[in-house]
PDB file of N, CA and C in Angstrom:
ATOM      1  N   MET A   1      89.221 146.381  56.520  1.00  0.00           N
ATOM      2  CA  MET A   1      90.460 147.166  56.280  1.00  0.00           C
ATOM      3  C   MET A   1      91.509 146.671  57.255  1.00  0.00           C
ATOM      4  N   ALA A   2      92.703 146.441  56.777  1.00  0.00           N
ATOM      5  CA  ALA A   2      93.832 146.002  57.589  1.00  0.00           C
ATOM      6  C   ALA A   2      94.322 147.164  58.447  1.00  0.00           C
ATOM      7  N   THR A   3      94.871 146.801  59.599  1.00  0.00           N
ATOM      8  CA  THR A   3      95.448 147.827  60.489  1.00  0.00           C
ATOM      9  C   THR A   3      96.942 147.500  60.639  1.00  0.00           C
ATOM     10  N   SER A   4      97.736 148.495  60.431  1.00  0.00           N
ATOM     11  CA  SER A   4      99.243 148.323  60.608  1.00  0.00           C
ATOM     12  C   SER A   4      99.547 148.414  62.045  1.00  0.00           C
ATOM     13  N   ARG A   5     100.755 147.855  62.429  1.00  0.00           N
ATOM     14  CA  ARG A   5     101.205 148.008  63.845  1.00  0.00           C
ATOM     15  C   ARG A   5     101.293 149.470  64.266  1.00  0.00           C
ATOM     16  N   SER A   6     101.636 150.383  63.306  1.00  0.00           N
ATOM     17  CA  SER A   6     101.818 151.799  63.649  1.00  0.00           C
ATOM     18  C   SER A   6     100.418 152.384  64.104  1.00  0.00           C
ATOM     19  N   GLN A   7      99.338 151.780  63.769  1.00  0.00           N
ATOM     20  CA  GLN A   7      98.025 152.312  64.120  1.00  0.00           C
ATOM     21  C   GLN A   7      97.530 151.688  65.496  1.00  0.00           C
ATOM     22  N   LEU A   8      98.321 150.725  65.977  1.00  0.00           N
ATOM     23  CA  LEU A   8      97.916 150.043  67.173  1.00  0.00           C
ATOM     24  C   LEU A   8      98.758 150.478  68.329  1.00  0.00           C
ATOM     25  N   LYS A   9      98.182 150.382  69.526  1.00  0.00           N
ATOM     26  CA  LYS A   9      98.883 150.591  70.781  1.00  0.00           C
ATOM     27  C   LYS A   9      99.525 149.301  71.193  1.00  0.00           C
ATOM     28  N   LEU A  10     100.794 149.242  71.218  1.00  0.00           N
ATOM     29  CA  LEU A  10     101.471 148.012  71.617  1.00  0.00           C
ATOM     30  C   LEU A  10     101.652 147.944  73.139  1.00  0.00           C
ATOM     31  N   THR A  11     101.500 146.754  73.693  1.00  0.00           N
ATOM     32  CA  THR A  11     101.782 146.556  75.090  1.00  0.00           C
ATOM     33  C   THR A  11     103.225 146.392  75.340  1.00  0.00           C
ATOM     34  N   ARG A  12     103.657 146.467  76.618  1.00  0.00           N
ATOM     35  CA  ARG A  12     105.047 146.272  76.983  1.00  0.00           C
ATOM     36  C   ARG A  12     105.540 144.951  76.479  1.00  0.00           C
ATOM     37  N   ASP A  13     104.759 143.849  76.644  1.00  0.00           N
ATOM     38  CA  ASP A  13     105.124 142.553  76.222  1.00  0.00           C
ATOM     39  C   ASP A  13     105.304 142.438  74.758  1.00  0.00           C
ATOM     40  N   GLU A  14     104.378 143.121  73.942  1.00  0.00           N
ATOM     41  CA  GLU A  14     104.540 143.124  72.515  1.00  0.00           C
ATOM     42  C   GLU A  14     105.767 143.871  72.083  1.00  0.00           C
ATOM     43  N   VAL A  15     106.074 145.028  72.708  1.00  0.00           N
ATOM     44  CA  VAL A  15     107.295 145.786  72.433  1.00  0.00           C
ATOM     45  C   VAL A  15     108.546 144.931  72.689  1.00  0.00           C
ATOM     46  N   ARG A  16     108.543 144.285  73.815  1.00  0.00           N
ATOM     47  CA  ARG A  16     109.655 143.409  74.203  1.00  0.00           C
ATOM     48  C   ARG A  16     109.832 142.324  73.194  1.00  0.00           C
ATOM     49  N   GLU A  17     108.718 141.615  72.821  1.00  0.00           N
ATOM     50  CA  GLU A  17     108.775 140.505  71.845  1.00  0.00           C
ATOM     51  C   GLU A  17     109.350 140.962  70.498  1.00  0.00           C
ATOM     52  N   ILE A  18     108.856 142.095  70.008  1.00  0.00           N
ATOM     53  CA  ILE A  18     109.398 142.605  68.772  1.00  0.00           C
ATOM     54  C   ILE A  18     110.843 142.945  68.826  1.00  0.00           C
ATOM     55  N   LEU A  19     111.248 143.591  69.912  1.00  0.00           N
ATOM     56  CA  LEU A  19     112.693 143.902  70.090  1.00  0.00           C
ATOM     57  C   LEU A  19     113.533 142.578  70.054  1.00  0.00           C
ATOM     58  N   GLU A  20     113.070 141.592  70.823  1.00  0.00           N
ATOM     59  CA  GLU A  20     113.777 140.295  70.894  1.00  0.00           C
ATOM     60  C   GLU A  20     113.862 139.670  69.507  1.00  0.00           C
ATOM     61  N   GLU A  21     112.814 139.738  68.683  1.00  0.00           N
ATOM     62  CA  GLU A  21     112.787 139.183  67.371  1.00  0.00           C
ATOM     63  C   GLU A  21     113.816 139.752  66.479  1.00  0.00           C
ATOM     64  N   HIS A  22     114.286 141.021  66.771  1.00  0.00           N
ATOM     65  CA  HIS A  22     115.235 141.689  65.920  1.00  0.00           C
ATOM     66  C   HIS A  22     116.678 141.437  66.281  1.00  0.00           C
ATOM     67  N   ASP A  23     116.941 140.494  67.187  1.00  0.00           N
ATOM     68  CA  ASP A  23     118.306 140.052  67.438  1.00  0.00           C
ATOM     69  C   ASP A  23     118.693 139.154  66.314  1.00  0.00           C
ATOM     70  N   VAL A  24     118.996 139.705  65.154  1.00  0.00           N
ATOM     71  CA  VAL A  24     119.155 138.945  63.934  1.00  0.00           C
ATOM     72  C   VAL A  24     120.424 138.009  63.937  1.00  0.00           C
ATOM     73  N   ASP A  25     121.449 138.358  64.636  1.00  0.00           N
ATOM     74  CA  ASP A  25     122.622 137.525  64.746  1.00  0.00           C
ATOM     75  C   ASP A  25     122.525 136.500  65.891  1.00  0.00           C
ATOM     76  N   GLY A  26     121.450 136.592  66.726  1.00  0.00           N
ATOM     77  CA  GLY A  26     121.249 135.589  67.794  1.00  0.00           C
ATOM     78  C   GLY A  26     122.271 135.617  68.876  1.00  0.00           C
ATOM     79  N   ASP A  27     122.939 136.813  69.110  1.00  0.00           N
ATOM     80  CA  ASP A  27     123.956 136.862  70.173  1.00  0.00           C
ATOM     81  C   ASP A  27     123.381 137.238  71.508  1.00  0.00           C
ATOM     82  N   GLY A  28     122.084 137.426  71.619  1.00  0.00           N
ATOM     83  CA  GLY A  28     121.484 137.821  72.922  1.00  0.00           C
ATOM     84  C   GLY A  28     121.594 139.281  73.249  1.00  0.00           C
ATOM     85  N   ARG A  29     121.984 140.083  72.269  1.00  0.00           N
ATOM     86  CA  ARG A  29     122.160 141.511  72.453  1.00  0.00           C
ATOM     87  C   ARG A  29     121.570 142.288  71.273  1.00  0.00           C
ATOM     88  N   LEU A  30     121.047 143.486  71.475  1.00  0.00           N
ATOM     89  CA  LEU A  30     120.601 144.289  70.377  1.00  0.00           C
ATOM     90  C   LEU A  30     121.563 145.444  70.142  1.00  0.00           C
ATOM     91  N   THR A  31     121.998 145.551  68.844  1.00  0.00           N
ATOM     92  CA  THR A  31     122.820 146.647  68.463  1.00  0.00           C
ATOM     93  C   THR A  31     121.937 147.861  68.163  1.00  0.00           C
ATOM     94  N   LYS A  32     122.538 149.021  67.949  1.00  0.00           N
ATOM     95  CA  LYS A  32     121.749 150.214  67.576  1.00  0.00           C
ATOM     96  C   LYS A  32     120.992 149.965  66.285  1.00  0.00           C
ATOM     97  N   GLN A  33     121.619 149.306  65.309  1.00  0.00           N
ATOM     98  CA  GLN A  33     120.974 149.001  64.065  1.00  0.00           C
ATOM     99  C   GLN A  33     119.790 148.057  64.245  1.00  0.00           C
ATOM    100  N   GLU A  34     119.982 147.009  65.094  1.00  0.00           N
ATOM    101  CA  GLU A  34     118.837 146.135  65.348  1.00  0.00           C
ATOM    102  C   GLU A  34     117.659 146.849  66.065  1.00  0.00           C
ATOM    103  N   VAL A  35     118.007 147.749  66.949  1.00  0.00           N
ATOM    104  CA  VAL A  35     116.962 148.578  67.646  1.00  0.00           C
ATOM    105  C   VAL A  35     116.223 149.398  66.624  1.00  0.00           C
ATOM    106  N   MET A  36     116.944 150.052  65.694  1.00  0.00           N
ATOM    107  CA  MET A  36     116.332 150.905  64.704  1.00  0.00           C
ATOM    108  C   MET A  36     115.402 150.032  63.851  1.00  0.00           C
ATOM    109  N   GLN A  37     115.813 148.900  63.444  1.00  0.00           N
ATOM    110  CA  GLN A  37     114.972 148.000  62.598  1.00  0.00           C
ATOM    111  C   GLN A  37     113.779 147.591  63.352  1.00  0.00           C
ATOM    112  N   ALA A  38     113.878 147.272  64.671  1.00  0.00           N
ATOM    113  CA  ALA A  38     112.689 146.893  65.467  1.00  0.00           C
ATOM    114  C   ALA A  38     111.734 148.109  65.588  1.00  0.00           C
ATOM    115  N   LEU A  39     112.222 149.291  65.828  1.00  0.00           N
ATOM    116  CA  LEU A  39     111.375 150.467  65.937  1.00  0.00           C
ATOM    117  C   LEU A  39     110.668 150.702  64.647  1.00  0.00           C
ATOM    118  N   ASN A  40     111.350 150.599  63.537  1.00  0.00           N
ATOM    119  CA  ASN A  40     110.681 150.787  62.225  1.00  0.00           C
ATOM    120  C   ASN A  40     109.560 149.791  61.988  1.00  0.00           C
ATOM    121  N   SER A  41     109.817 148.540  62.389  1.00  0.00           N
ATOM    122  CA  SER A  41     108.794 147.508  62.214  1.00  0.00           C
ATOM    123  C   SER A  41     107.593 147.765  63.070  1.00  0.00           C
ATOM    124  N   MET A  42     107.767 148.436  64.181  1.00  0.00           N
ATOM    125  CA  MET A  42     106.620 148.807  65.082  1.00  0.00           C
ATOM    126  C   MET A  42     105.934 150.040  64.579  1.00  0.00           C
ATOM    127  N   GLY A  43     106.493 150.709  63.622  1.00  0.00           N
ATOM    128  CA  GLY A  43     105.921 151.983  63.183  1.00  0.00           C
ATOM    129  C   GLY A  43     106.294 153.151  64.091  1.00  0.00           C
ATOM    130  N   VAL A  44     107.293 152.984  64.926  1.00  0.00           N
ATOM    131  CA  VAL A  44     107.756 154.045  65.855  1.00  0.00           C
ATOM    132  C   VAL A  44     108.661 154.958  65.029  1.00  0.00           C
ATOM    133  N   MET A  45     108.296 156.156  64.874  1.00  0.00           N
ATOM    134  CA  MET A  45     109.108 157.150  64.161  1.00  0.00           C
ATOM    135  C   MET A  45     109.974 157.844  65.102  1.00  0.00           C
ATOM    136  N   MET A  46     111.129 157.305  65.353  1.00  0.00           N
ATOM    137  CA  MET A  46     112.146 157.874  66.288  1.00  0.00           C
ATOM    138  C   MET A  46     113.416 158.195  65.459  1.00  0.00           C
ATOM    139  N   SER A  47     114.015 159.337  65.718  1.00  0.00           N
ATOM    140  CA  SER A  47     115.245 159.732  65.031  1.00  0.00           C
ATOM    141  C   SER A  47     116.346 158.744  65.464  1.00  0.00           C
ATOM    142  N   PHE A  48     117.406 158.653  64.660  1.00  0.00           N
ATOM    143  CA  PHE A  48     118.522 157.815  64.999  1.00  0.00           C
ATOM    144  C   PHE A  48     119.155 158.353  66.347  1.00  0.00           C
ATOM    145  N   GLN A  49     119.179 159.679  66.501  1.00  0.00           N
ATOM    146  CA  GLN A  49     119.764 160.240  67.724  1.00  0.00           C
ATOM    147  C   GLN A  49     118.961 159.830  68.947  1.00  0.00           C
ATOM    148  N   LYS A  50     117.619 159.878  68.879  1.00  0.00           N
ATOM    149  CA  LYS A  50     116.816 159.400  70.025  1.00  0.00           C
ATOM    150  C   LYS A  50     116.970 157.879  70.287  1.00  0.00           C
ATOM    151  N   ALA A  51     117.059 157.115  69.185  1.00  0.00           N
ATOM    152  CA  ALA A  51     117.271 155.708  69.318  1.00  0.00           C
ATOM    153  C   ALA A  51     118.646 155.419  69.963  1.00  0.00           C
ATOM    154  N   HIS A  52     119.637 156.131  69.518  1.00  0.00           N
ATOM    155  CA  HIS A  52     121.003 156.018  70.051  1.00  0.00           C
ATOM    156  C   HIS A  52     120.953 156.359  71.584  1.00  0.00           C
ATOM    157  N   TYR A  53     120.201 157.383  71.971  1.00  0.00           N
ATOM    158  CA  TYR A  53     120.109 157.729  73.383  1.00  0.00           C
ATOM    159  C   TYR A  53     119.406 156.614  74.118  1.00  0.00           C
ATOM    160  N   GLY A  54     118.373 155.999  73.482  1.00  0.00           N
ATOM    161  CA  GLY A  54     117.707 154.963  74.138  1.00  0.00           C
ATOM    162  C   GLY A  54     118.552 153.711  74.441  1.00  0.00           C
ATOM    163  N   VAL A  55     119.379 153.424  73.460  1.00  0.00           N
ATOM    164  CA  VAL A  55     120.301 152.312  73.664  1.00  0.00           C
ATOM    165  C   VAL A  55     121.326 152.665  74.789  1.00  0.00           C
ATOM    166  N   ALA A  56     121.825 153.885  74.726  1.00  0.00           N
ATOM    167  CA  ALA A  56     122.816 154.331  75.825  1.00  0.00           C
ATOM    168  C   ALA A  56     122.115 154.324  77.166  1.00  0.00           C
ATOM    169  N   PHE A  57     120.867 154.689  77.248  1.00  0.00           N
ATOM    170  CA  PHE A  57     120.085 154.718  78.463  1.00  0.00           C
ATOM    171  C   PHE A  57     119.942 153.298  79.020  1.00  0.00           C
ATOM    172  N   ALA A  58     119.698 152.368  78.155  1.00  0.00           N
ATOM    173  CA  ALA A  58     119.440 150.959  78.566  1.00  0.00           C
ATOM    174  C   ALA A  58     120.765 150.199  78.789  1.00  0.00           C
ATOM    175  N   ASP A  59     121.803 150.583  78.170  1.00  0.00           N
ATOM    176  CA  ASP A  59     123.123 149.869  78.207  1.00  0.00           C
ATOM    177  C   ASP A  59     123.840 150.088  79.528  1.00  0.00           C
ATOM    178  N   LYS A  60     123.487 149.363  80.492  1.00  0.00           N
ATOM    179  CA  LYS A  60     124.001 149.543  81.833  1.00  0.00           C
ATOM    180  C   LYS A  60     125.504 149.114  81.968  1.00  0.00           C
ATOM    181  N   ASP A  61     125.904 148.207  81.205  1.00  0.00           N
ATOM    182  CA  ASP A  61     127.302 147.685  81.316  1.00  0.00           C
ATOM    183  C   ASP A  61     128.241 148.412  80.285  1.00  0.00           C
ATOM    184  N   GLY A  62     127.700 149.273  79.474  1.00  0.00           N
ATOM    185  CA  GLY A  62     128.526 150.106  78.620  1.00  0.00           C
ATOM    186  C   GLY A  62     129.206 149.353  77.471  1.00  0.00           C
ATOM    187  N   ASP A  63     128.601 148.175  77.035  1.00  0.00           N
ATOM    188  CA  ASP A  63     129.229 147.445  75.944  1.00  0.00           C
ATOM    189  C   ASP A  63     128.741 147.858  74.562  1.00  0.00           C
ATOM    190  N   GLY A  64     127.855 148.890  74.503  1.00  0.00           N
ATOM    191  CA  GLY A  64     127.341 149.395  73.279  1.00  0.00           C
ATOM    192  C   GLY A  64     126.121 148.672  72.689  1.00  0.00           C
ATOM    193  N   ALA A  65     125.584 147.709  73.452  1.00  0.00           N
ATOM    194  CA  ALA A  65     124.391 146.977  72.965  1.00  0.00           C
ATOM    195  C   ALA A  65     123.484 146.778  74.190  1.00  0.00           C
ATOM    196  N   VAL A  66     122.286 146.341  73.886  1.00  0.00           N
ATOM    197  CA  VAL A  66     121.293 146.122  74.958  1.00  0.00           C
ATOM    198  C   VAL A  66     121.136 144.590  75.100  1.00  0.00           C
ATOM    199  N   ASP A  67     121.447 144.108  76.304  1.00  0.00           N
ATOM    200  CA  ASP A  67     121.418 142.668  76.571  1.00  0.00           C
ATOM    201  C   ASP A  67     119.961 142.294  76.715  1.00  0.00           C
ATOM    202  N   LEU A  68     119.592 141.104  76.141  1.00  0.00           N
ATOM    203  CA  LEU A  68     118.235 140.607  76.234  1.00  0.00           C
ATOM    204  C   LEU A  68     117.929 139.925  77.589  1.00  0.00           C
ATOM    205  N   GLU A  69     118.933 139.545  78.299  1.00  0.00           N
ATOM    206  CA  GLU A  69     118.821 138.996  79.663  1.00  0.00           C
ATOM    207  C   GLU A  69     119.076 140.115  80.636  1.00  0.00           C
ATOM    208  N   GLY A  70     118.375 140.078  81.751  1.00  0.00           N
ATOM    209  CA  GLY A  70     118.579 141.096  82.828  1.00  0.00           C
ATOM    210  C   GLY A  70     117.783 142.351  82.559  1.00  0.00           C
ATOM    211  N   GLY A  71     118.225 143.367  83.121  1.00  0.00           N
ATOM    212  CA  GLY A  71     117.384 144.596  83.164  1.00  0.00           C
ATOM    213  C   GLY A  71     117.539 145.499  81.965  1.00  0.00           C
ATOM    214  N   GLU A  72     118.556 145.292  81.118  1.00  0.00           N
ATOM    215  CA  GLU A  72     118.776 146.228  80.028  1.00  0.00           C
ATOM    216  C   GLU A  72     117.620 146.249  79.080  1.00  0.00           C
ATOM    217  N   ILE A  73     117.067 145.110  78.677  1.00  0.00           N
ATOM    218  CA  ILE A  73     115.993 145.043  77.744  1.00  0.00           C
ATOM    219  C   ILE A  73     114.745 145.748  78.318  1.00  0.00           C
ATOM    220  N   ASP A  74     114.519 145.559  79.683  1.00  0.00           N
ATOM    221  CA  ASP A  74     113.425 146.245  80.311  1.00  0.00           C
ATOM    222  C   ASP A  74     113.576 147.764  80.305  1.00  0.00           C
ATOM    223  N   SER A  75     114.780 148.229  80.461  1.00  0.00           N
ATOM    224  CA  SER A  75     115.094 149.711  80.372  1.00  0.00           C
ATOM    225  C   SER A  75     114.731 150.212  78.993  1.00  0.00           C
ATOM    226  N   LEU A  76     115.102 149.430  77.943  1.00  0.00           N
ATOM    227  CA  LEU A  76     114.835 149.864  76.565  1.00  0.00           C
ATOM    228  C   LEU A  76     113.306 149.840  76.301  1.00  0.00           C
ATOM    229  N   VAL A  77     112.646 148.873  76.800  1.00  0.00           N
ATOM    230  CA  VAL A  77     111.156 148.817  76.642  1.00  0.00           C
ATOM    231  C   VAL A  77     110.511 149.997  77.345  1.00  0.00           C
ATOM    232  N   ASP A  78     110.976 150.329  78.502  1.00  0.00           N
ATOM    233  CA  ASP A  78     110.474 151.526  79.251  1.00  0.00           C
ATOM    234  C   ASP A  78     110.676 152.764  78.385  1.00  0.00           C
ATOM    235  N   TYR A  79     111.843 152.929  77.793  1.00  0.00           N
ATOM    236  CA  TYR A  79     112.200 154.089  76.995  1.00  0.00           C
ATOM    237  C   TYR A  79     111.256 154.206  75.774  1.00  0.00           C
ATOM    238  N   VAL A  80     111.021 153.071  75.100  1.00  0.00           N
ATOM    239  CA  VAL A  80     110.124 153.046  73.927  1.00  0.00           C
ATOM    240  C   VAL A  80     108.725 153.418  74.326  1.00  0.00           C
ATOM    241  N   MET A  81     108.270 152.784  75.433  1.00  0.00           N
ATOM    242  CA  MET A  81     106.895 153.061  75.904  1.00  0.00           C
ATOM    243  C   MET A  81     106.719 154.555  76.215  1.00  0.00           C
ATOM    244  N   ARG A  82     107.690 155.161  76.912  1.00  0.00           N
ATOM    245  CA  ARG A  82     107.566 156.573  77.251  1.00  0.00           C
ATOM    246  C   ARG A  82     107.597 157.420  75.941  1.00  0.00           C
ATOM    247  N   PHE A  83     108.439 157.067  75.056  1.00  0.00           N
ATOM    248  CA  PHE A  83     108.499 157.772  73.746  1.00  0.00           C
ATOM    249  C   PHE A  83     107.125 157.731  73.082  1.00  0.00           C
ATOM    250  N   GLN A  84     106.565 156.518  73.005  1.00  0.00           N
ATOM    251  CA  GLN A  84     105.219 156.400  72.401  1.00  0.00           C
ATOM    252  C   GLN A  84     104.196 157.202  73.113  1.00  0.00           C
ATOM    253  N   ALA A  85     104.205 157.149  74.398  1.00  0.00           N
ATOM    254  CA  ALA A  85     103.228 157.970  75.203  1.00  0.00           C
ATOM    255  C   ALA A  85     103.385 159.417  74.951  1.00  0.00           C
ATOM    256  N   SER A  86     104.584 159.937  74.792  1.00  0.00           N
ATOM    257  CA  SER A  86     104.840 161.403  74.591  1.00  0.00           C
ATOM    258  C   SER A  86     104.285 161.794  73.202  1.00  0.00           C
ATOM    259  N   LYS A  87     104.228 160.832  72.273  1.00  0.00           N
ATOM    260  CA  LYS A  87     103.692 161.172  70.901  1.00  0.00           C
ATOM    261  C   LYS A  87     102.160 161.295  70.930  1.00  0.00           C
ATOM    262  N   ASP A  88     101.525 160.753  71.977  1.00  0.00           N
ATOM    263  CA  ASP A  88     100.053 160.748  72.073  1.00  0.00           C
ATOM    264  C   ASP A  88      99.584 162.057  72.706  1.00  0.00           C
ATOM    265  N   VAL A  89     100.475 162.877  73.205  1.00  0.00           N
ATOM    266  CA  VAL A  89     100.027 164.124  73.885  1.00  0.00           C
ATOM    267  C   VAL A  89     100.043 165.204  72.832  1.00  0.00           C
ATOM    268  N   PRO A  90      98.888 165.968  72.686  1.00  0.00           N
ATOM    269  CA  PRO A  90      98.830 167.073  71.730  1.00  0.00           C
ATOM    270  C   PRO A  90      99.931 168.064  72.037  1.00  0.00           C
ATOM    271  N   LYS A  91     100.426 168.699  70.987  1.00  0.00           N
ATOM    272  CA  LYS A  91     101.491 169.679  71.086  1.00  0.00           C
ATOM    273  C   LYS A  91     101.125 170.853  72.010  1.00  0.00           C
ATOM    274  N   ASP A  92      99.816 171.200  72.060  1.00  0.00           N
ATOM    275  CA  ASP A  92      99.408 172.374  72.850  1.00  0.00           C
ATOM    276  C   ASP A  92      98.922 171.913  74.277  1.00  0.00           C
ATOM    277  N   ALA A  93      99.262 170.674  74.663  1.00  0.00           N
ATOM    278  CA  ALA A  93      98.795 170.205  75.983  1.00  0.00           C
ATOM    279  C   ALA A  93      99.577 170.862  77.077  1.00  0.00           C
ATOM    280  N   SER A  94      98.968 170.981  78.245  1.00  0.00           N
ATOM    281  CA  SER A  94      99.631 171.560  79.427  1.00  0.00           C
ATOM    282  C   SER A  94     100.682 170.597  79.903  1.00  0.00           C
ATOM    283  N   PRO A  95     101.713 171.106  80.622  1.00  0.00           N
ATOM    284  CA  PRO A  95     102.761 170.233  81.191  1.00  0.00           C
ATOM    285  C   PRO A  95     102.197 169.067  81.989  1.00  0.00           C
ATOM    286  N   GLU A  96     101.076 169.292  82.707  1.00  0.00           N
ATOM    287  CA  GLU A  96     100.477 168.264  83.529  1.00  0.00           C
ATOM    288  C   GLU A  96     100.022 167.057  82.737  1.00  0.00           C
ATOM    289  N   ALA A  97      99.843 167.214  81.411  1.00  0.00           N
ATOM    290  CA  ALA A  97      99.324 166.121  80.576  1.00  0.00           C
ATOM    291  C   ALA A  97     100.485 165.211  80.095  1.00  0.00           C
ATOM    292  N   LEU A  98     101.699 165.617  80.308  1.00  0.00           N
ATOM    293  CA  LEU A  98     102.812 164.803  79.870  1.00  0.00           C
ATOM    294  C   LEU A  98     103.046 163.585  80.722  1.00  0.00           C
ATOM    295  N   PRO A  99     103.437 162.471  80.098  1.00  0.00           N
ATOM    296  CA  PRO A  99     103.636 161.246  80.898  1.00  0.00           C
ATOM    297  C   PRO A  99     104.804 161.267  81.838  1.00  0.00           C
TER     298      PRO A  99
END
């Protein structure tokens, strides 16, 4: 039986690689649309609003996109990893169980 990406736990390096692959215009930056496409390809069910916040969180220079060089991409990877970890916590879990 085949396993989709959404059924797998992705590592930080895998998340980063997938994000980088979605720089479709090759400008070295990820737009909100490119980030949403990357998240969908990973099976990450994140609302547009949360994805928009993730881009804003990572966009340190305020240009509206996430640069693939420097720390911006690392901040976006951190955001995606935390989002994924929060989805693994049962709804009735105690606050101590949150990542």
